[in-house]
């Protein structure tokens, strides 16, 4: 599955909230999310619109790895296609 090219940070945060991520702090334009699901995990998302594709890929890869999924499996769950 292809990664969407026009995803903003607010849209990504909303999607990640379905996986238990919550905003824990913000410093400047960087928002830190934390989940307790499947153990504690932190990710930092820049507040950009849209997110650069490389940045988005790195975030998605990190979250998928935390949940023990491949990036494609995670995208299927996230975007439900």
PDB file of N, CA and C in Angstrom:
ATOM      1  N   UNK A   1       0.845  -1.178   0.000  1.00  0.00           N
ATOM      2  CA  UNK A   1       0.000   0.000   0.000  1.00  0.00           C
ATOM      3  C   UNK A   1       0.888   1.237   0.000  1.00  0.00           C
ATOM      4  N   UNK A   2       0.496   2.237  -0.774  1.00  0.00           N
ATOM      5  CA  UNK A   2       1.278   3.457  -0.863  1.00  0.00           C
ATOM      6  C   UNK A   2       0.963   4.400   0.295  1.00  0.00           C
ATOM      7  N   UNK A   3       1.989   5.133   0.706  1.00  0.00           N
ATOM      8  CA  UNK A   3       1.839   6.128   1.767  1.00  0.00           C
ATOM      9  C   UNK A   3       1.208   7.377   1.155  1.00  0.00           C
ATOM     10  N   UNK A   4       0.186   7.954   1.802  1.00  0.00           N
ATOM     11  CA  UNK A   4      -0.427   9.171   1.268  1.00  0.00           C
ATOM     12  C   UNK A   4       0.581  10.315   1.231  1.00  0.00           C
ATOM     13  N   UNK A   5       0.534  11.100   0.179  1.00  0.00           N
ATOM     14  CA  UNK A   5       1.514  12.170  -0.028  1.00  0.00           C
ATOM     15  C   UNK A   5       1.080  13.507   0.562  1.00  0.00           C
ATOM     16  N   UNK A   6      -0.164  13.624   0.991  1.00  0.00           N
ATOM     17  CA  UNK A   6      -0.678  14.922   1.430  1.00  0.00           C
ATOM     18  C   UNK A   6      -1.161  14.908   2.875  1.00  0.00           C
ATOM     19  N   UNK A   7      -0.555  14.070   3.707  1.00  0.00           N
ATOM     20  CA  UNK A   7      -0.977  13.923   5.096  1.00  0.00           C
ATOM     21  C   UNK A   7      -0.352  15.028   5.949  1.00  0.00           C
ATOM     22  N   UNK A   8      -1.183  15.712   6.722  1.00  0.00           N
ATOM     23  CA  UNK A   8      -0.668  16.758   7.615  1.00  0.00           C
ATOM     24  C   UNK A   8      -0.382  16.147   8.987  1.00  0.00           C
ATOM     25  N   UNK A   9       0.331  16.886   9.819  1.00  0.00           N
ATOM     26  CA  UNK A   9       0.651  16.385  11.156  1.00  0.00           C
ATOM     27  C   UNK A   9      -0.617  16.191  11.982  1.00  0.00           C
ATOM     28  N   UNK A  10      -1.596  17.080  11.856  1.00  0.00           N
ATOM     29  CA  UNK A  10      -2.831  16.932  12.644  1.00  0.00           C
ATOM     30  C   UNK A  10      -3.610  15.685  12.221  1.00  0.00           C
ATOM     31  N   UNK A  11      -3.620  15.382  10.917  1.00  0.00           N
ATOM     32  CA  UNK A  11      -4.292  14.174  10.439  1.00  0.00           C
ATOM     33  C   UNK A  11      -3.581  12.923  10.954  1.00  0.00           C
ATOM     34  N   UNK A  12      -2.235  12.950  10.938  1.00  0.00           N
ATOM     35  CA  UNK A  12      -1.468  11.805  11.413  1.00  0.00           C
ATOM     36  C   UNK A  12      -1.694  11.580  12.902  1.00  0.00           C
ATOM     37  N   UNK A  13      -1.711  12.658  13.682  1.00  0.00           N
ATOM     38  CA  UNK A  13      -1.943  12.542  15.125  1.00  0.00           C
ATOM     39  C   UNK A  13      -3.316  11.938  15.390  1.00  0.00           C
ATOM     40  N   UNK A  14      -4.324  12.369  14.634  1.00  0.00           N
ATOM     41  CA  UNK A  14      -5.676  11.835  14.794  1.00  0.00           C
ATOM     42  C   UNK A  14      -5.703  10.335  14.480  1.00  0.00           C
ATOM     43  N   UNK A  15      -5.008   9.924  13.413  1.00  0.00           N
ATOM     44  CA  UNK A  15      -4.965   8.503  13.051  1.00  0.00           C
ATOM     45  C   UNK A  15      -4.209   7.678  14.090  1.00  0.00           C
ATOM     46  N   UNK A  16      -3.114   8.236  14.609  1.00  0.00           N
ATOM     47  CA  UNK A  16      -2.323   7.504  15.597  1.00  0.00           C
ATOM     48  C   UNK A  16      -3.031   7.406  16.946  1.00  0.00           C
ATOM     49  N   UNK A  17      -3.978   8.303  17.208  1.00  0.00           N
ATOM     50  CA  UNK A  17      -4.725   8.224  18.473  1.00  0.00           C
ATOM     51  C   UNK A  17      -5.541   6.931  18.534  1.00  0.00           C
ATOM     52  N   UNK A  18      -5.902   6.382  17.371  1.00  0.00           N
ATOM     53  CA  UNK A  18      -6.609   5.094  17.329  1.00  0.00           C
ATOM     54  C   UNK A  18      -5.735   3.947  17.815  1.00  0.00           C
ATOM     55  N   UNK A  19      -4.425   4.157  17.827  1.00  0.00           N
ATOM     56  CA  UNK A  19      -3.476   3.136  18.282  1.00  0.00           C
ATOM     57  C   UNK A  19      -2.972   3.434  19.684  1.00  0.00           C
ATOM     58  N   UNK A  20      -3.628   4.360  20.378  1.00  0.00           N
ATOM     59  CA  UNK A  20      -3.295   4.641  21.763  1.00  0.00           C
ATOM     60  C   UNK A  20      -2.296   5.768  21.974  1.00  0.00           C
ATOM     61  N   UNK A  21      -1.905   6.467  20.921  1.00  0.00           N
ATOM     62  CA  UNK A  21      -0.950   7.571  21.060  1.00  0.00           C
ATOM     63  C   UNK A  21      -1.654   8.828  21.548  1.00  0.00           C
ATOM     64  N   UNK A  22      -1.010   9.528  22.476  1.00  0.00           N
ATOM     65  CA  UNK A  22      -1.529  10.784  23.014  1.00  0.00           C
ATOM     66  C   UNK A  22      -0.408  11.808  22.998  1.00  0.00           C
ATOM     67  N   UNK A  23      -0.778  13.072  22.838  1.00  0.00           N
ATOM     68  CA  UNK A  23       0.210  14.149  22.872  1.00  0.00           C
ATOM     69  C   UNK A  23       0.695  14.298  24.307  1.00  0.00           C
ATOM     70  N   UNK A  24       2.015  14.222  24.499  1.00  0.00           N
ATOM     71  CA  UNK A  24       2.569  14.378  25.845  1.00  0.00           C
ATOM     72  C   UNK A  24       3.243  15.729  26.020  1.00  0.00           C
ATOM     73  N   UNK A  25       3.752  16.300  24.929  1.00  0.00           N
ATOM     74  CA  UNK A  25       4.318  17.649  25.019  1.00  0.00           C
ATOM     75  C   UNK A  25       4.575  18.196  23.629  1.00  0.00           C
ATOM     76  N   UNK A  26       4.793  19.511  23.583  1.00  0.00           N
ATOM     77  CA  UNK A  26       5.139  20.167  22.324  1.00  0.00           C
ATOM     78  C   UNK A  26       6.224  21.196  22.604  1.00  0.00           C
ATOM     79  N   UNK A  27       7.276  21.141  21.812  1.00  0.00           N
ATOM     80  CA  UNK A  27       8.351  22.116  21.899  1.00  0.00           C
ATOM     81  C   UNK A  27       8.499  22.746  20.531  1.00  0.00           C
ATOM     82  N   UNK A  28       8.127  24.001  20.413  1.00  0.00           N
ATOM     83  CA  UNK A  28       8.173  24.662  19.108  1.00  0.00           C
ATOM     84  C   UNK A  28       7.230  23.965  18.148  1.00  0.00           C
ATOM     85  N   UNK A  29       7.775  23.541  17.008  1.00  0.00           N
ATOM     86  CA  UNK A  29       6.932  22.889  16.003  1.00  0.00           C
ATOM     87  C   UNK A  29       7.033  21.369  16.063  1.00  0.00           C
ATOM     88  N   UNK A  30       7.557  20.817  17.157  1.00  0.00           N
ATOM     89  CA  UNK A  30       7.676  19.371  17.292  1.00  0.00           C
ATOM     90  C   UNK A  30       6.744  18.860  18.389  1.00  0.00           C
ATOM     91  N   UNK A  31       5.908  17.903  18.017  1.00  0.00           N
ATOM     92  CA  UNK A  31       4.906  17.345  18.916  1.00  0.00           C
ATOM     93  C   UNK A  31       5.334  15.926  19.284  1.00  0.00           C
ATOM     94  N   UNK A  32       5.377  15.649  20.565  1.00  0.00           N
ATOM     95  CA  UNK A  32       5.765  14.313  21.025  1.00  0.00           C
ATOM     96  C   UNK A  32       4.528  13.529  21.427  1.00  0.00           C
ATOM     97  N   UNK A  33       4.426  12.320  20.873  1.00  0.00           N
ATOM     98  CA  UNK A  33       3.322  11.419  21.180  1.00  0.00           C
ATOM     99  C   UNK A  33       3.866  10.214  21.931  1.00  0.00           C
ATOM    100  N   UNK A  34       3.057   9.700  22.847  1.00  0.00           N
ATOM    101  CA  UNK A  34       3.441   8.530  23.629  1.00  0.00           C
ATOM    102  C   UNK A  34       2.272   7.560  23.683  1.00  0.00           C
ATOM    103  N   UNK A  35       2.594   6.278  23.633  1.00  0.00           N
ATOM    104  CA  UNK A  35       1.589   5.238  23.833  1.00  0.00           C
ATOM    105  C   UNK A  35       2.075   4.289  24.917  1.00  0.00           C
ATOM    106  N   UNK A  36       1.133   3.712  25.627  1.00  0.00           N
ATOM    107  CA  UNK A  36       1.438   2.677  26.612  1.00  0.00           C
ATOM    108  C   UNK A  36       1.050   1.303  26.061  1.00  0.00           C
ATOM    109  N   UNK A  37       0.395   1.283  24.895  1.00  0.00           N
ATOM    110  CA  UNK A  37      -0.009   0.021  24.268  1.00  0.00           C
ATOM    111  C   UNK A  37       1.225  -0.749  23.829  1.00  0.00           C
ATOM    112  N   UNK A  38       1.265  -2.031  24.181  1.00  0.00           N
ATOM    113  CA  UNK A  38       2.376  -2.895  23.784  1.00  0.00           C
ATOM    114  C   UNK A  38       3.721  -2.391  24.328  1.00  0.00           C
ATOM    115  N   UNK A  39       3.695  -1.762  25.512  1.00  0.00           N
ATOM    116  CA  UNK A  39       4.899  -1.163  26.086  1.00  0.00           C
ATOM    117  C   UNK A  39       4.964   0.310  25.715  1.00  0.00           C
ATOM    118  N   UNK A  40       5.780   1.058  26.416  1.00  0.00           N
ATOM    119  CA  UNK A  40       5.858   2.500  26.168  1.00  0.00           C
ATOM    120  C   UNK A  40       6.639   2.789  24.887  1.00  0.00           C
ATOM    121  N   UNK A  41       6.147   3.738  24.088  1.00  0.00           N
ATOM    122  CA  UNK A  41       6.810   4.131  22.848  1.00  0.00           C
ATOM    123  C   UNK A  41       6.571   5.617  22.613  1.00  0.00           C
ATOM    124  N   UNK A  42       7.636   6.340  22.249  1.00  0.00           N
ATOM    125  CA  UNK A  42       7.544   7.775  21.965  1.00  0.00           C
ATOM    126  C   UNK A  42       7.893   8.024  20.504  1.00  0.00           C
ATOM    127  N   UNK A  43       7.186   8.956  19.896  1.00  0.00           N
ATOM    128  CA  UNK A  43       7.558   9.437  18.562  1.00  0.00           C
ATOM    129  C   UNK A  43       7.404  10.944  18.545  1.00  0.00           C
ATOM    130  N   UNK A  44       8.199  11.592  17.717  1.00  0.00           N
ATOM    131  CA  UNK A  44       8.127  13.043  17.570  1.00  0.00           C
ATOM    132  C   UNK A  44       7.703  13.365  16.146  1.00  0.00           C
ATOM    133  N   UNK A  45       6.703  14.229  16.035  1.00  0.00           N
ATOM    134  CA  UNK A  45       6.148  14.599  14.732  1.00  0.00           C
ATOM    135  C   UNK A  45       6.297  16.100  14.545  1.00  0.00           C
ATOM    136  N   UNK A  46       6.875  16.537  13.420  1.00  0.00           N
ATOM    137  CA  UNK A  46       6.935  17.973  13.158  1.00  0.00           C
ATOM    138  C   UNK A  46       5.553  18.482  12.752  1.00  0.00           C
ATOM    139  N   UNK A  47       5.197  19.670  13.199  1.00  0.00           N
ATOM    140  CA  UNK A  47       3.882  20.250  12.892  1.00  0.00           C
ATOM    141  C   UNK A  47       3.929  20.907  11.517  1.00  0.00           C
ATOM    142  N   UNK A  48       3.918  20.081  10.467  1.00  0.00           N
ATOM    143  CA  UNK A  48       3.994  20.565   9.092  1.00  0.00           C
ATOM    144  C   UNK A  48       2.759  20.118   8.321  1.00  0.00           C
ATOM    145  N   UNK A  49       2.453  20.835   7.263  1.00  0.00           N
ATOM    146  CA  UNK A  49       1.344  20.484   6.393  1.00  0.00           C
ATOM    147  C   UNK A  49       1.754  20.717   4.949  1.00  0.00           C
ATOM    148  N   UNK A  50       1.984  19.695   4.168  1.00  0.00           N
ATOM    149  CA  UNK A  50       1.988  18.272   4.504  1.00  0.00           C
ATOM    150  C   UNK A  50       3.346  17.845   5.067  1.00  0.00           C
ATOM    151  N   UNK A  51       3.363  16.659   5.667  1.00  0.00           N
ATOM    152  CA  UNK A  51       4.622  16.080   6.155  1.00  0.00           C
ATOM    153  C   UNK A  51       5.441  15.612   4.965  1.00  0.00           C
ATOM    154  N   UNK A  52       6.755  15.769   5.047  1.00  0.00           N
ATOM    155  CA  UNK A  52       7.617  15.259   3.981  1.00  0.00           C
ATOM    156  C   UNK A  52       7.515  13.740   3.972  1.00  0.00           C
ATOM    157  N   UNK A  53       7.574  13.159   2.784  1.00  0.00           N
ATOM    158  CA  UNK A  53       7.341  11.725   2.626  1.00  0.00           C
ATOM    159  C   UNK A  53       8.381  10.895   3.380  1.00  0.00           C
ATOM    160  N   UNK A  54       9.624  11.334   3.406  1.00  0.00           N
ATOM    161  CA  UNK A  54      10.667  10.604   4.137  1.00  0.00           C
ATOM    162  C   UNK A  54      10.426  10.622   5.633  1.00  0.00           C
ATOM    163  N   UNK A  55       9.992  11.767   6.146  1.00  0.00           N
ATOM    164  CA  UNK A  55       9.669  11.898   7.571  1.00  0.00           C
ATOM    165  C   UNK A  55       8.488  11.007   7.923  1.00  0.00           C
ATOM    166  N   UNK A  56       7.455  11.038   7.101  1.00  0.00           N
ATOM    167  CA  UNK A  56       6.265  10.220   7.328  1.00  0.00           C
ATOM    168  C   UNK A  56       6.618   8.731   7.294  1.00  0.00           C
ATOM    169  N   UNK A  57       7.448   8.328   6.326  1.00  0.00           N
ATOM    170  CA  UNK A  57       7.868   6.927   6.241  1.00  0.00           C
ATOM    171  C   UNK A  57       8.603   6.484   7.493  1.00  0.00           C
ATOM    172  N   UNK A  58       9.492   7.334   8.004  1.00  0.00           N
ATOM    173  CA  UNK A  58      10.259   6.993   9.207  1.00  0.00           C
ATOM    174  C   UNK A  58       9.330   6.840  10.420  1.00  0.00           C
ATOM    175  N   UNK A  59       8.359   7.740  10.547  1.00  0.00           N
ATOM    176  CA  UNK A  59       7.403   7.668  11.659  1.00  0.00           C
ATOM    177  C   UNK A  59       6.585   6.388  11.566  1.00  0.00           C
ATOM    178  N   UNK A  60       6.055   6.096  10.383  1.00  0.00           N
ATOM    179  CA  UNK A  60       5.223   4.902  10.196  1.00  0.00           C
ATOM    180  C   UNK A  60       6.020   3.619  10.426  1.00  0.00           C
ATOM    181  N   UNK A  61       7.269   3.595   9.977  1.00  0.00           N
ATOM    182  CA  UNK A  61       8.123   2.428  10.174  1.00  0.00           C
ATOM    183  C   UNK A  61       8.369   2.189  11.668  1.00  0.00           C
ATOM    184  N   UNK A  62       8.625   3.283  12.398  1.00  0.00           N
ATOM    185  CA  UNK A  62       8.878   3.185  13.831  1.00  0.00           C
ATOM    186  C   UNK A  62       7.655   2.658  14.582  1.00  0.00           C
ATOM    187  N   UNK A  63       6.487   3.176  14.251  1.00  0.00           N
ATOM    188  CA  UNK A  63       5.254   2.753  14.920  1.00  0.00           C
ATOM    189  C   UNK A  63       4.932   1.298  14.561  1.00  0.00           C
ATOM    190  N   UNK A  64       5.083   0.936  13.293  1.00  0.00           N
ATOM    191  CA  UNK A  64       4.819  -0.445  12.868  1.00  0.00           C
ATOM    192  C   UNK A  64       5.745  -1.407  13.593  1.00  0.00           C
ATOM    193  N   UNK A  65       7.015  -1.047  13.702  1.00  0.00           N
ATOM    194  CA  UNK A  65       7.988  -1.898  14.396  1.00  0.00           C
ATOM    195  C   UNK A  65       7.611  -2.076  15.868  1.00  0.00           C
ATOM    196  N   UNK A  66       7.133  -1.006  16.490  1.00  0.00           N
ATOM    197  CA  UNK A  66       6.724  -1.081  17.893  1.00  0.00           C
ATOM    198  C   UNK A  66       5.596  -2.088  18.091  1.00  0.00           C
ATOM    199  N   UNK A  67       4.670  -2.148  17.148  1.00  0.00           N
ATOM    200  CA  UNK A  67       3.535  -3.066  17.256  1.00  0.00           C
ATOM    201  C   UNK A  67       3.812  -4.432  16.624  1.00  0.00           C
ATOM    202  N   UNK A  68       5.046  -4.648  16.155  1.00  0.00           N
ATOM    203  CA  UNK A  68       5.426  -5.945  15.594  1.00  0.00           C
ATOM    204  C   UNK A  68       4.818  -6.221  14.242  1.00  0.00           C
ATOM    205  N   UNK A  69       4.596  -5.174  13.458  1.00  0.00           N
ATOM    206  CA  UNK A  69       4.000  -5.310  12.129  1.00  0.00           C
ATOM    207  C   UNK A  69       4.977  -4.814  11.067  1.00  0.00           C
ATOM    208  N   UNK A  70       4.746  -5.218   9.817  1.00  0.00           N
ATOM    209  CA  UNK A  70       5.481  -4.588   8.725  1.00  0.00           C
ATOM    210  C   UNK A  70       4.807  -3.248   8.444  1.00  0.00           C
ATOM    211  N   UNK A  71       5.497  -2.393   7.725  1.00  0.00           N
ATOM    212  CA  UNK A  71       4.915  -1.087   7.418  1.00  0.00           C
ATOM    213  C   UNK A  71       3.635  -1.247   6.597  1.00  0.00           C
ATOM    214  N   UNK A  72       3.625  -2.198   5.658  1.00  0.00           N
ATOM    215  CA  UNK A  72       2.429  -2.416   4.834  1.00  0.00           C
ATOM    216  C   UNK A  72       1.249  -2.918   5.664  1.00  0.00           C
ATOM    217  N   UNK A  73       1.508  -3.820   6.605  1.00  0.00           N
ATOM    218  CA  UNK A  73       0.440  -4.306   7.483  1.00  0.00           C
ATOM    219  C   UNK A  73      -0.123  -3.160   8.321  1.00  0.00           C
ATOM    220  N   UNK A  74       0.773  -2.313   8.809  1.00  0.00           N
ATOM    221  CA  UNK A  74       0.344  -1.175   9.613  1.00  0.00           C
ATOM    222  C   UNK A  74      -0.486  -0.196   8.777  1.00  0.00           C
ATOM    223  N   UNK A  75      -0.065   0.069   7.544  1.00  0.00           N
ATOM    224  CA  UNK A  75      -0.820   0.976   6.663  1.00  0.00           C
ATOM    225  C   UNK A  75      -2.219   0.434   6.402  1.00  0.00           C
ATOM    226  N   UNK A  76      -2.330  -0.904   6.220  1.00  0.00           N
ATOM    227  CA  UNK A  76      -3.645  -1.523   6.012  1.00  0.00           C
ATOM    228  C   UNK A  76      -4.556  -1.262   7.215  1.00  0.00           C
ATOM    229  N   UNK A  77      -4.016  -1.419   8.426  1.00  0.00           N
ATOM    230  CA  UNK A  77      -4.808  -1.178   9.631  1.00  0.00           C
ATOM    231  C   UNK A  77      -5.143   0.305   9.786  1.00  0.00           C
ATOM    232  N   UNK A  78      -4.202   1.154   9.454  1.00  0.00           N
ATOM    233  CA  UNK A  78      -4.359   2.584   9.670  1.00  0.00           C
ATOM    234  C   UNK A  78      -5.365   3.207   8.708  1.00  0.00           C
ATOM    235  N   UNK A  79      -5.256   2.843   7.421  1.00  0.00           N
ATOM    236  CA  UNK A  79      -6.098   3.468   6.408  1.00  0.00           C
ATOM    237  C   UNK A  79      -7.234   2.572   5.939  1.00  0.00           C
ATOM    238  N   UNK A  80      -7.232   1.316   6.383  1.00  0.00           N
ATOM    239  CA  UNK A  80      -8.352   0.412   6.170  1.00  0.00           C
ATOM    240  C   UNK A  80      -8.776   0.146   4.758  1.00  0.00           C
ATOM    241  N   UNK A  81      -7.818  -0.020   3.858  1.00  0.00           N
ATOM    242  CA  UNK A  81      -8.199  -0.352   2.480  1.00  0.00           C
ATOM    243  C   UNK A  81      -8.116  -1.819   2.226  1.00  0.00           C
TER     244      UNK A  81
END
